[in-house]
PDB file of N, CA and C in Angstrom:
ATOM      1  N   MET A   1       0.848  -1.174   0.000  1.00  0.00           N
ATOM      2  CA  MET A   1       0.000   0.000   0.000  1.00  0.00           C
ATOM      3  C   MET A   1       0.886   1.226   0.000  1.00  0.00           C
ATOM      4  N   THR A   2       0.982   1.869  -1.128  1.00  0.00           N
ATOM      5  CA  THR A   2       1.896   2.987  -1.250  1.00  0.00           C
ATOM      6  C   THR A   2       1.194   4.334  -1.265  1.00  0.00           C
ATOM      7  N   ASN A   3      -0.025   4.382  -1.666  1.00  0.00           N
ATOM      8  CA  ASN A   3      -0.786   5.617  -1.723  1.00  0.00           C
ATOM      9  C   ASN A   3      -1.054   6.124  -0.310  1.00  0.00           C
ATOM     10  N   GLU A   4      -0.822   7.426  -0.065  1.00  0.00           N
ATOM     11  CA  GLU A   4      -1.037   8.006   1.263  1.00  0.00           C
ATOM     12  C   GLU A   4      -2.456   7.741   1.769  1.00  0.00           C
ATOM     13  N   LYS A   5      -3.443   7.872   0.897  1.00  0.00           N
ATOM     14  CA  LYS A   5      -4.836   7.624   1.279  1.00  0.00           C
ATOM     15  C   LYS A   5      -5.036   6.180   1.727  1.00  0.00           C
ATOM     16  N   GLU A   6      -4.318   5.261   1.100  1.00  0.00           N
ATOM     17  CA  GLU A   6      -4.461   3.846   1.429  1.00  0.00           C
ATOM     18  C   GLU A   6      -3.734   3.460   2.714  1.00  0.00           C
ATOM     19  N   ARG A   7      -2.958   4.373   3.290  1.00  0.00           N
ATOM     20  CA  ARG A   7      -2.246   4.080   4.534  1.00  0.00           C
ATOM     21  C   ARG A   7      -3.141   4.215   5.755  1.00  0.00           C
ATOM     22  N   TYR A   8      -4.337   4.739   5.583  1.00  0.00           N
ATOM     23  CA  TYR A   8      -5.231   4.989   6.705  1.00  0.00           C
ATOM     24  C   TYR A   8      -6.613   4.399   6.440  1.00  0.00           C
ATOM     25  N   PHE A   9      -7.277   4.000   7.511  1.00  0.00           N
ATOM     26  CA  PHE A   9      -8.669   3.600   7.408  1.00  0.00           C
ATOM     27  C   PHE A   9      -9.366   3.996   8.701  1.00  0.00           C
ATOM     28  N   THR A  10     -10.675   4.137   8.632  1.00  0.00           N
ATOM     29  CA  THR A  10     -11.456   4.573   9.776  1.00  0.00           C
ATOM     30  C   THR A  10     -12.453   3.487  10.158  1.00  0.00           C
ATOM     31  N   VAL A  11     -12.566   3.259  11.458  1.00  0.00           N
ATOM     32  CA  VAL A  11     -13.541   2.307  11.988  1.00  0.00           C
ATOM     33  C   VAL A  11     -14.515   3.095  12.849  1.00  0.00           C
ATOM     34  N   THR A  12     -15.796   2.860  12.624  1.00  0.00           N
ATOM     35  CA  THR A  12     -16.835   3.495  13.424  1.00  0.00           C
ATOM     36  C   THR A  12     -17.516   2.413  14.249  1.00  0.00           C
ATOM     37  N   ASP A  13     -17.522   2.603  15.577  1.00  0.00           N
ATOM     38  CA  ASP A  13     -18.137   1.586  16.432  1.00  0.00           C
ATOM     39  C   ASP A  13     -19.651   1.759  16.478  1.00  0.00           C
ATOM     40  N   ASN A  14     -20.314   0.881  17.216  1.00  0.00           N
ATOM     41  CA  ASN A  14     -21.779   0.898  17.241  1.00  0.00           C
ATOM     42  C   ASN A  14     -22.348   2.105  17.988  1.00  0.00           C
ATOM     43  N   LYS A  15     -21.494   2.897  18.646  1.00  0.00           N
ATOM     44  CA  LYS A  15     -21.929   4.136  19.292  1.00  0.00           C
ATOM     45  C   LYS A  15     -21.685   5.358  18.412  1.00  0.00           C
ATOM     46  N   GLY A  16     -21.162   5.117  17.209  1.00  0.00           N
ATOM     47  CA  GLY A  16     -20.913   6.209  16.277  1.00  0.00           C
ATOM     48  C   GLY A  16     -19.568   6.895  16.443  1.00  0.00           C
ATOM     49  N   VAL A  17     -18.703   6.344  17.301  1.00  0.00           N
ATOM     50  CA  VAL A  17     -17.376   6.914  17.519  1.00  0.00           C
ATOM     51  C   VAL A  17     -16.432   6.378  16.441  1.00  0.00           C
ATOM     52  N   SER A  18     -15.761   7.297  15.735  1.00  0.00           N
ATOM     53  CA  SER A  18     -14.837   6.915  14.668  1.00  0.00           C
ATOM     54  C   SER A  18     -13.393   7.032  15.143  1.00  0.00           C
ATOM     55  N   VAL A  19     -12.587   6.051  14.765  1.00  0.00           N
ATOM     56  CA  VAL A  19     -11.162   6.055  15.073  1.00  0.00           C
ATOM     57  C   VAL A  19     -10.407   5.824  13.773  1.00  0.00           C
ATOM     58  N   GLU A  20      -9.394   6.671  13.525  1.00  0.00           N
ATOM     59  CA  GLU A  20      -8.574   6.504  12.333  1.00  0.00           C
ATOM     60  C   GLU A  20      -7.336   5.688  12.691  1.00  0.00           C
ATOM     61  N   TYR A  21      -7.036   4.696  11.869  1.00  0.00           N
ATOM     62  CA  TYR A  21      -5.881   3.838  12.066  1.00  0.00           C
ATOM     63  C   TYR A  21      -4.918   3.993  10.900  1.00  0.00           C
ATOM     64  N   GLU A  22      -3.636   3.865  11.209  1.00  0.00           N
ATOM     65  CA  GLU A  22      -2.591   3.875  10.186  1.00  0.00           C
ATOM     66  C   GLU A  22      -2.144   2.445   9.946  1.00  0.00           C
ATOM     67  N   ILE A  23      -2.098   2.042   8.701  1.00  0.00           N
ATOM     68  CA  ILE A  23      -1.645   0.700   8.337  1.00  0.00           C
ATOM     69  C   ILE A  23      -0.121   0.694   8.359  1.00  0.00           C
ATOM     70  N   LEU A  24       0.441  -0.173   9.181  1.00  0.00           N
ATOM     71  CA  LEU A  24       1.890  -0.295   9.250  1.00  0.00           C
ATOM     72  C   LEU A  24       2.411  -1.218   8.163  1.00  0.00           C
ATOM     73  N   PHE A  25       1.757  -2.364   7.999  1.00  0.00           N
ATOM     74  CA  PHE A  25       2.087  -3.259   6.893  1.00  0.00           C
ATOM     75  C   PHE A  25       1.017  -4.328   6.756  1.00  0.00           C
ATOM     76  N   THR A  26       1.014  -4.953   5.604  1.00  0.00           N
ATOM     77  CA  THR A  26       0.139  -6.089   5.331  1.00  0.00           C
ATOM     78  C   THR A  26       1.007  -7.219   4.789  1.00  0.00           C
ATOM     79  N   PHE A  27       0.529  -8.432   4.934  1.00  0.00           N
ATOM     80  CA  PHE A  27       1.236  -9.566   4.349  1.00  0.00           C
ATOM     81  C   PHE A  27       0.278 -10.729   4.175  1.00  0.00           C
ATOM     82  N   ASP A  28       0.639 -11.618   3.275  1.00  0.00           N
ATOM     83  CA  ASP A  28      -0.113 -12.842   3.025  1.00  0.00           C
ATOM     84  C   ASP A  28       0.712 -14.016   3.541  1.00  0.00           C
ATOM     85  N   SER A  29       0.043 -14.988   4.115  1.00  0.00           N
ATOM     86  CA  SER A  29       0.726 -16.176   4.604  1.00  0.00           C
ATOM     87  C   SER A  29       0.358 -17.372   3.739  1.00  0.00           C
ATOM     88  N   ASP A  30       1.374 -17.998   3.164  1.00  0.00           N
ATOM     89  CA  ASP A  30       1.140 -19.229   2.411  1.00  0.00           C
ATOM     90  C   ASP A  30       0.710 -20.352   3.352  1.00  0.00           C
ATOM     91  N   GLU A  31       1.207 -20.288   4.578  1.00  0.00           N
ATOM     92  CA  GLU A  31       0.916 -21.333   5.556  1.00  0.00           C
ATOM     93  C   GLU A  31      -0.556 -21.333   5.979  1.00  0.00           C
ATOM     94  N   THR A  32      -1.101 -20.155   6.281  1.00  0.00           N
ATOM     95  CA  THR A  32      -2.485 -20.081   6.757  1.00  0.00           C
ATOM     96  C   THR A  32      -3.472 -19.757   5.643  1.00  0.00           C
ATOM     97  N   LYS A  33      -2.948 -19.319   4.496  1.00  0.00           N
ATOM     98  CA  LYS A  33      -3.787 -18.919   3.352  1.00  0.00           C
ATOM     99  C   LYS A  33      -4.666 -17.711   3.688  1.00  0.00           C
ATOM    100  N   LYS A  34      -4.140 -16.823   4.554  1.00  0.00           N
ATOM    101  CA  LYS A  34      -4.870 -15.623   4.950  1.00  0.00           C
ATOM    102  C   LYS A  34      -4.019 -14.387   4.703  1.00  0.00           C
ATOM    103  N   SER A  35      -4.694 -13.245   4.625  1.00  0.00           N
ATOM    104  CA  SER A  35      -4.028 -11.946   4.526  1.00  0.00           C
ATOM    105  C   SER A  35      -4.132 -11.273   5.888  1.00  0.00           C
ATOM    106  N   TYR A  36      -3.034 -10.639   6.311  1.00  0.00           N
ATOM    107  CA  TYR A  36      -2.969  -9.996   7.619  1.00  0.00           C
ATOM    108  C   TYR A  36      -2.667  -8.514   7.472  1.00  0.00           C
ATOM    109  N   ILE A  37      -3.152  -7.750   8.455  1.00  0.00           N
ATOM    110  CA  ILE A  37      -2.903  -6.319   8.494  1.00  0.00           C
ATOM    111  C   ILE A  37      -2.459  -5.968   9.910  1.00  0.00           C
ATOM    112  N   VAL A  38      -1.411  -5.163  10.010  1.00  0.00           N
ATOM    113  CA  VAL A  38      -0.924  -4.677  11.297  1.00  0.00           C
ATOM    114  C   VAL A  38      -1.084  -3.165  11.247  1.00  0.00           C
ATOM    115  N   PHE A  39      -1.719  -2.596  12.283  1.00  0.00           N
ATOM    116  CA  PHE A  39      -2.083  -1.184  12.235  1.00  0.00           C
ATOM    117  C   PHE A  39      -2.023  -0.557  13.616  1.00  0.00           C
ATOM    118  N   THR A  40      -2.111   0.761  13.676  1.00  0.00           N
ATOM    119  CA  THR A  40      -2.033   1.491  14.931  1.00  0.00           C
ATOM    120  C   THR A  40      -2.907   2.740  14.882  1.00  0.00           C
ATOM    121  N   ASP A  41      -3.307   3.197  16.058  1.00  0.00           N
ATOM    122  CA  ASP A  41      -3.963   4.506  16.158  1.00  0.00           C
ATOM    123  C   ASP A  41      -2.969   5.537  16.689  1.00  0.00           C
ATOM    124  N   ASN A  42      -1.696   5.124  16.778  1.00  0.00           N
ATOM    125  CA  ASN A  42      -0.564   5.952  17.216  1.00  0.00           C
ATOM    126  C   ASN A  42      -0.651   6.391  18.672  1.00  0.00           C
ATOM    127  N   ASN A  43      -1.448   5.683  19.475  1.00  0.00           N
ATOM    128  CA  ASN A  43      -1.437   5.907  20.916  1.00  0.00           C
ATOM    129  C   ASN A  43      -0.313   5.071  21.516  1.00  0.00           C
ATOM    130  N   GLU A  44       0.156   5.476  22.695  1.00  0.00           N
ATOM    131  CA  GLU A  44       1.233   4.768  23.363  1.00  0.00           C
ATOM    132  C   GLU A  44       0.729   4.079  24.628  1.00  0.00           C
ATOM    133  N   ASP A  45       1.403   2.980  24.970  1.00  0.00           N
ATOM    134  CA  ASP A  45       1.079   2.304  26.230  1.00  0.00           C
ATOM    135  C   ASP A  45       1.826   2.991  27.370  1.00  0.00           C
ATOM    136  N   GLU A  46       1.705   2.465  28.589  1.00  0.00           N
ATOM    137  CA  GLU A  46       2.325   3.103  29.746  1.00  0.00           C
ATOM    138  C   GLU A  46       3.849   3.109  29.687  1.00  0.00           C
ATOM    139  N   ASP A  47       4.447   2.257  28.839  1.00  0.00           N
ATOM    140  CA  ASP A  47       5.901   2.217  28.676  1.00  0.00           C
ATOM    141  C   ASP A  47       6.386   3.145  27.559  1.00  0.00           C
ATOM    142  N   GLY A  48       5.456   3.818  26.885  1.00  0.00           N
ATOM    143  CA  GLY A  48       5.824   4.715  25.801  1.00  0.00           C
ATOM    144  C   GLY A  48       5.947   4.042  24.448  1.00  0.00           C
ATOM    145  N   SER A  49       5.579   2.776  24.361  1.00  0.00           N
ATOM    146  CA  SER A  49       5.616   2.055  23.085  1.00  0.00           C
ATOM    147  C   SER A  49       4.309   2.289  22.332  1.00  0.00           C
ATOM    148  N   VAL A  50       4.407   2.430  21.024  1.00  0.00           N
ATOM    149  CA  VAL A  50       3.208   2.608  20.211  1.00  0.00           C
ATOM    150  C   VAL A  50       2.410   1.317  20.206  1.00  0.00           C
ATOM    151  N   ILE A  51       1.128   1.433  20.474  1.00  0.00           N
ATOM    152  CA  ILE A  51       0.248   0.264  20.514  1.00  0.00           C
ATOM    153  C   ILE A  51      -0.063  -0.165  19.082  1.00  0.00           C
ATOM    154  N   THR A  52       0.107  -1.453  18.810  1.00  0.00           N
ATOM    155  CA  THR A  52      -0.214  -1.987  17.486  1.00  0.00           C
ATOM    156  C   THR A  52      -1.300  -3.047  17.616  1.00  0.00           C
ATOM    157  N   TYR A  53      -2.043  -3.192  16.542  1.00  0.00           N
ATOM    158  CA  TYR A  53      -3.131  -4.167  16.468  1.00  0.00           C
ATOM    159  C   TYR A  53      -2.912  -5.007  15.221  1.00  0.00           C
ATOM    160  N   ALA A  54      -3.514  -6.182  15.191  1.00  0.00           N
ATOM    161  CA  ALA A  54      -3.421  -7.052  14.021  1.00  0.00           C
ATOM    162  C   ALA A  54      -4.759  -7.739  13.798  1.00  0.00           C
ATOM    163  N   ALA A  55      -5.013  -8.039  12.539  1.00  0.00           N
ATOM    164  CA  ALA A  55      -6.237  -8.736  12.161  1.00  0.00           C
ATOM    165  C   ALA A  55      -6.008  -9.416  10.822  1.00  0.00           C
ATOM    166  N   THR A  56      -6.888 -10.337  10.497  1.00  0.00           N
ATOM    167  CA  THR A  56      -6.916 -10.830   9.123  1.00  0.00           C
ATOM    168  C   THR A  56      -7.828  -9.879   8.363  1.00  0.00           C
ATOM    169  N   TYR A  57      -7.650  -9.826   7.049  1.00  0.00           N
ATOM    170  CA  TYR A  57      -8.504  -8.931   6.273  1.00  0.00           C
ATOM    171  C   TYR A  57      -8.791  -9.480   4.891  1.00  0.00           C
ATOM    172  N   GLU A  58      -9.887  -9.015   4.356  1.00  0.00           N
ATOM    173  CA  GLU A  58     -10.244  -9.220   2.954  1.00  0.00           C
ATOM    174  C   GLU A  58     -10.640  -7.864   2.428  1.00  0.00           C
ATOM    175  N   LYS A  59     -10.197  -7.546   1.239  1.00  0.00           N
ATOM    176  CA  LYS A  59     -10.528  -6.261   0.636  1.00  0.00           C
ATOM    177  C   LYS A  59     -11.691  -6.468  -0.330  1.00  0.00           C
ATOM    178  N   ASP A  60     -12.727  -5.666  -0.145  1.00  0.00           N
ATOM    179  CA  ASP A  60     -13.922  -5.721  -0.980  1.00  0.00           C
ATOM    180  C   ASP A  60     -14.069  -4.343  -1.617  1.00  0.00           C
ATOM    181  N   GLY A  61     -13.420  -4.159  -2.773  1.00  0.00           N
ATOM    182  CA  GLY A  61     -13.399  -2.837  -3.398  1.00  0.00           C
ATOM    183  C   GLY A  61     -12.600  -1.897  -2.520  1.00  0.00           C
ATOM    184  N   GLU A  62     -13.208  -0.825  -2.055  1.00  0.00           N
ATOM    185  CA  GLU A  62     -12.556   0.137  -1.169  1.00  0.00           C
ATOM    186  C   GLU A  62     -12.701  -0.245   0.302  1.00  0.00           C
ATOM    187  N   LYS A  63     -13.511  -1.245   0.599  1.00  0.00           N
ATOM    188  CA  LYS A  63     -13.818  -1.609   1.978  1.00  0.00           C
ATOM    189  C   LYS A  63     -12.890  -2.720   2.471  1.00  0.00           C
ATOM    190  N   LEU A  64     -12.388  -2.555   3.714  1.00  0.00           N
ATOM    191  CA  LEU A  64     -11.609  -3.595   4.369  1.00  0.00           C
ATOM    192  C   LEU A  64     -12.520  -4.349   5.329  1.00  0.00           C
ATOM    193  N   ASN A  65     -12.577  -5.655   5.193  1.00  0.00           N
ATOM    194  CA  ASN A  65     -13.335  -6.490   6.121  1.00  0.00           C
ATOM    195  C   ASN A  65     -12.329  -7.154   7.055  1.00  0.00           C
ATOM    196  N   LEU A  66     -12.301  -6.706   8.319  1.00  0.00           N
ATOM    197  CA  LEU A  66     -11.356  -7.219   9.298  1.00  0.00           C
ATOM    198  C   LEU A  66     -11.975  -8.348  10.108  1.00  0.00           C
ATOM    199  N   SER A  67     -11.140  -9.327  10.462  1.00  0.00           N
ATOM    200  CA  SER A  67     -11.562 -10.427  11.321  1.00  0.00           C
ATOM    201  C   SER A  67     -10.497 -10.662  12.380  1.00  0.00           C
ATOM    202  N   ASP A  68     -10.909 -11.225  13.496  1.00  0.00           N
ATOM    203  CA  ASP A  68      -9.983 -11.501  14.586  1.00  0.00           C
ATOM    204  C   ASP A  68      -8.962 -12.556  14.200  1.00  0.00           C
ATOM    205  N   ILE A  69      -7.774 -12.444  14.817  1.00  0.00           N
ATOM    206  CA  ILE A  69      -6.767 -13.490  14.718  1.00  0.00           C
ATOM    207  C   ILE A  69      -7.313 -14.669  15.534  1.00  0.00           C
ATOM    208  N   GLU A  70      -7.292 -15.869  14.952  1.00  0.00           N
ATOM    209  CA  GLU A  70      -7.980 -17.000  15.570  1.00  0.00           C
ATOM    210  C   GLU A  70      -7.099 -17.943  16.375  1.00  0.00           C
ATOM    211  N   THR A  71      -5.817 -18.034  16.048  1.00  0.00           N
ATOM    212  CA  THR A  71      -4.992 -19.047  16.702  1.00  0.00           C
ATOM    213  C   THR A  71      -3.704 -18.463  17.263  1.00  0.00           C
ATOM    214  N   GLU A  72      -3.135 -19.176  18.204  1.00  0.00           N
ATOM    215  CA  GLU A  72      -1.840 -18.795  18.779  1.00  0.00           C
ATOM    216  C   GLU A  72      -0.753 -18.854  17.699  1.00  0.00           C
ATOM    217  N   LYS A  73      -0.878 -19.787  16.781  1.00  0.00           N
ATOM    218  CA  LYS A  73       0.087 -19.927  15.689  1.00  0.00           C
ATOM    219  C   LYS A  73       0.116 -18.649  14.834  1.00  0.00           C
ATOM    220  N   GLU A  74      -1.067 -18.068  14.581  1.00  0.00           N
ATOM    221  CA  GLU A  74      -1.132 -16.826  13.811  1.00  0.00           C
ATOM    222  C   GLU A  74      -0.479 -15.676  14.581  1.00  0.00           C
ATOM    223  N   TRP A  75      -0.738 -15.589  15.896  1.00  0.00           N
ATOM    224  CA  TRP A  75      -0.112 -14.548  16.714  1.00  0.00           C
ATOM    225  C   TRP A  75       1.399 -14.705  16.708  1.00  0.00           C
ATOM    226  N   ASP A  76       1.890 -15.933  16.787  1.00  0.00           N
ATOM    227  CA  ASP A  76       3.335 -16.180  16.749  1.00  0.00           C
ATOM    228  C   ASP A  76       3.931 -15.682  15.436  1.00  0.00           C
ATOM    229  N   LEU A  77       3.238 -15.926  14.337  1.00  0.00           N
ATOM    230  CA  LEU A  77       3.688 -15.477  13.021  1.00  0.00           C
ATOM    231  C   LEU A  77       3.806 -13.945  12.991  1.00  0.00           C
ATOM    232  N   ILE A  78       2.791 -13.263  13.479  1.00  0.00           N
ATOM    233  CA  ILE A  78       2.778 -11.798  13.489  1.00  0.00           C
ATOM    234  C   ILE A  78       3.858 -11.251  14.411  1.00  0.00           C
ATOM    235  N   GLU A  79       3.989 -11.816  15.596  1.00  0.00           N
ATOM    236  CA  GLU A  79       5.002 -11.351  16.542  1.00  0.00           C
ATOM    237  C   GLU A  79       6.416 -11.553  16.002  1.00  0.00           C
ATOM    238  N   THR A  80       6.645 -12.647  15.292  1.00  0.00           N
ATOM    239  CA  THR A  80       7.951 -12.892  14.684  1.00  0.00           C
ATOM    240  C   THR A  80       8.257 -11.833  13.638  1.00  0.00           C
ATOM    241  N   LEU A  81       7.275 -11.519  12.801  1.00  0.00           N
ATOM    242  CA  LEU A  81       7.482 -10.485  11.788  1.00  0.00           C
ATOM    243  C   LEU A  81       7.740  -9.120  12.421  1.00  0.00           C
ATOM    244  N   LEU A  82       6.983  -8.766  13.447  1.00  0.00           N
ATOM    245  CA  LEU A  82       7.195  -7.491  14.142  1.00  0.00           C
ATOM    246  C   LEU A  82       8.594  -7.421  14.738  1.00  0.00           C
ATOM    247  N   ALA A  83       9.060  -8.497  15.327  1.00  0.00           N
ATOM    248  CA  ALA A  83      10.403  -8.530  15.911  1.00  0.00           C
ATOM    249  C   ALA A  83      11.473  -8.365  14.836  1.00  0.00           C
ATOM    250  N   GLN A  84      11.273  -8.993  13.675  1.00  0.00           N
ATOM    251  CA  GLN A  84      12.220  -8.856  12.576  1.00  0.00           C
ATOM    252  C   GLN A  84      12.267  -7.422  12.058  1.00  0.00           C
ATOM    253  N   ILE A  85      11.113  -6.805  11.937  1.00  0.00           N
ATOM    254  CA  ILE A  85      11.045  -5.419  11.465  1.00  0.00           C
ATOM    255  C   ILE A  85      11.716  -4.482  12.476  1.00  0.00           C
ATOM    256  N   GLU A  86      11.438  -4.698  13.749  1.00  0.00           N
ATOM    257  CA  GLU A  86      12.039  -3.860  14.792  1.00  0.00           C
ATOM    258  C   GLU A  86      13.561  -4.012  14.791  1.00  0.00           C
ATOM    259  N   GLU A  87      14.029  -5.235  14.625  1.00  0.00           N
ATOM    260  CA  GLU A  87      15.477  -5.485  14.601  1.00  0.00           C
ATOM    261  C   GLU A  87      16.126  -4.777  13.422  1.00  0.00           C
ATOM    262  N   LYS A  88      15.497  -4.850  12.253  1.00  0.00           N
ATOM    263  CA  LYS A  88      16.046  -4.194  11.057  1.00  0.00           C
ATOM    264  C   LYS A  88      16.052  -2.684  11.206  1.00  0.00           C
ATOM    265  N   SER A  89      15.014  -2.122  11.830  1.00  0.00           N
ATOM    266  CA  SER A  89      14.934  -0.667  11.954  1.00  0.00           C
ATOM    267  C   SER A  89      15.886  -0.122  13.013  1.00  0.00           C
ATOM    268  N   SER A  90      16.341  -0.958  13.937  1.00  0.00           N
ATOM    269  CA  SER A  90      17.276  -0.486  14.959  1.00  0.00           C
ATOM    270  C   SER A  90      18.724  -0.617  14.523  1.00  0.00           C
ATOM    271  N   ASN A  91      18.982  -1.246  13.381  1.00  0.00           N
ATOM    272  CA  ASN A  91      20.358  -1.385  12.877  1.00  0.00           C
ATOM    273  C   ASN A  91      20.771  -0.206  12.056  1.00  0.00           C
TER     274      ASN A  91
END
């Protein structure tokens, strides 16, 4: 996703509150046959680290359909990728 507009998406909850998220990266897994998205609202946790979220997704035209990560194996895959990215960016 290279277009600036495509780097962001907005989610509106059932109370009508909208939150804008920035897409950090997406990837497809041959192992799980799913597409994943890692994103943030750029808020920080109590340690000062930027909070990140992950989900599976399907793109339907301009709409992103997000679903929960279902297994520990999927979380391990995402955490490994995040650690690799963090390691590369600190070098």
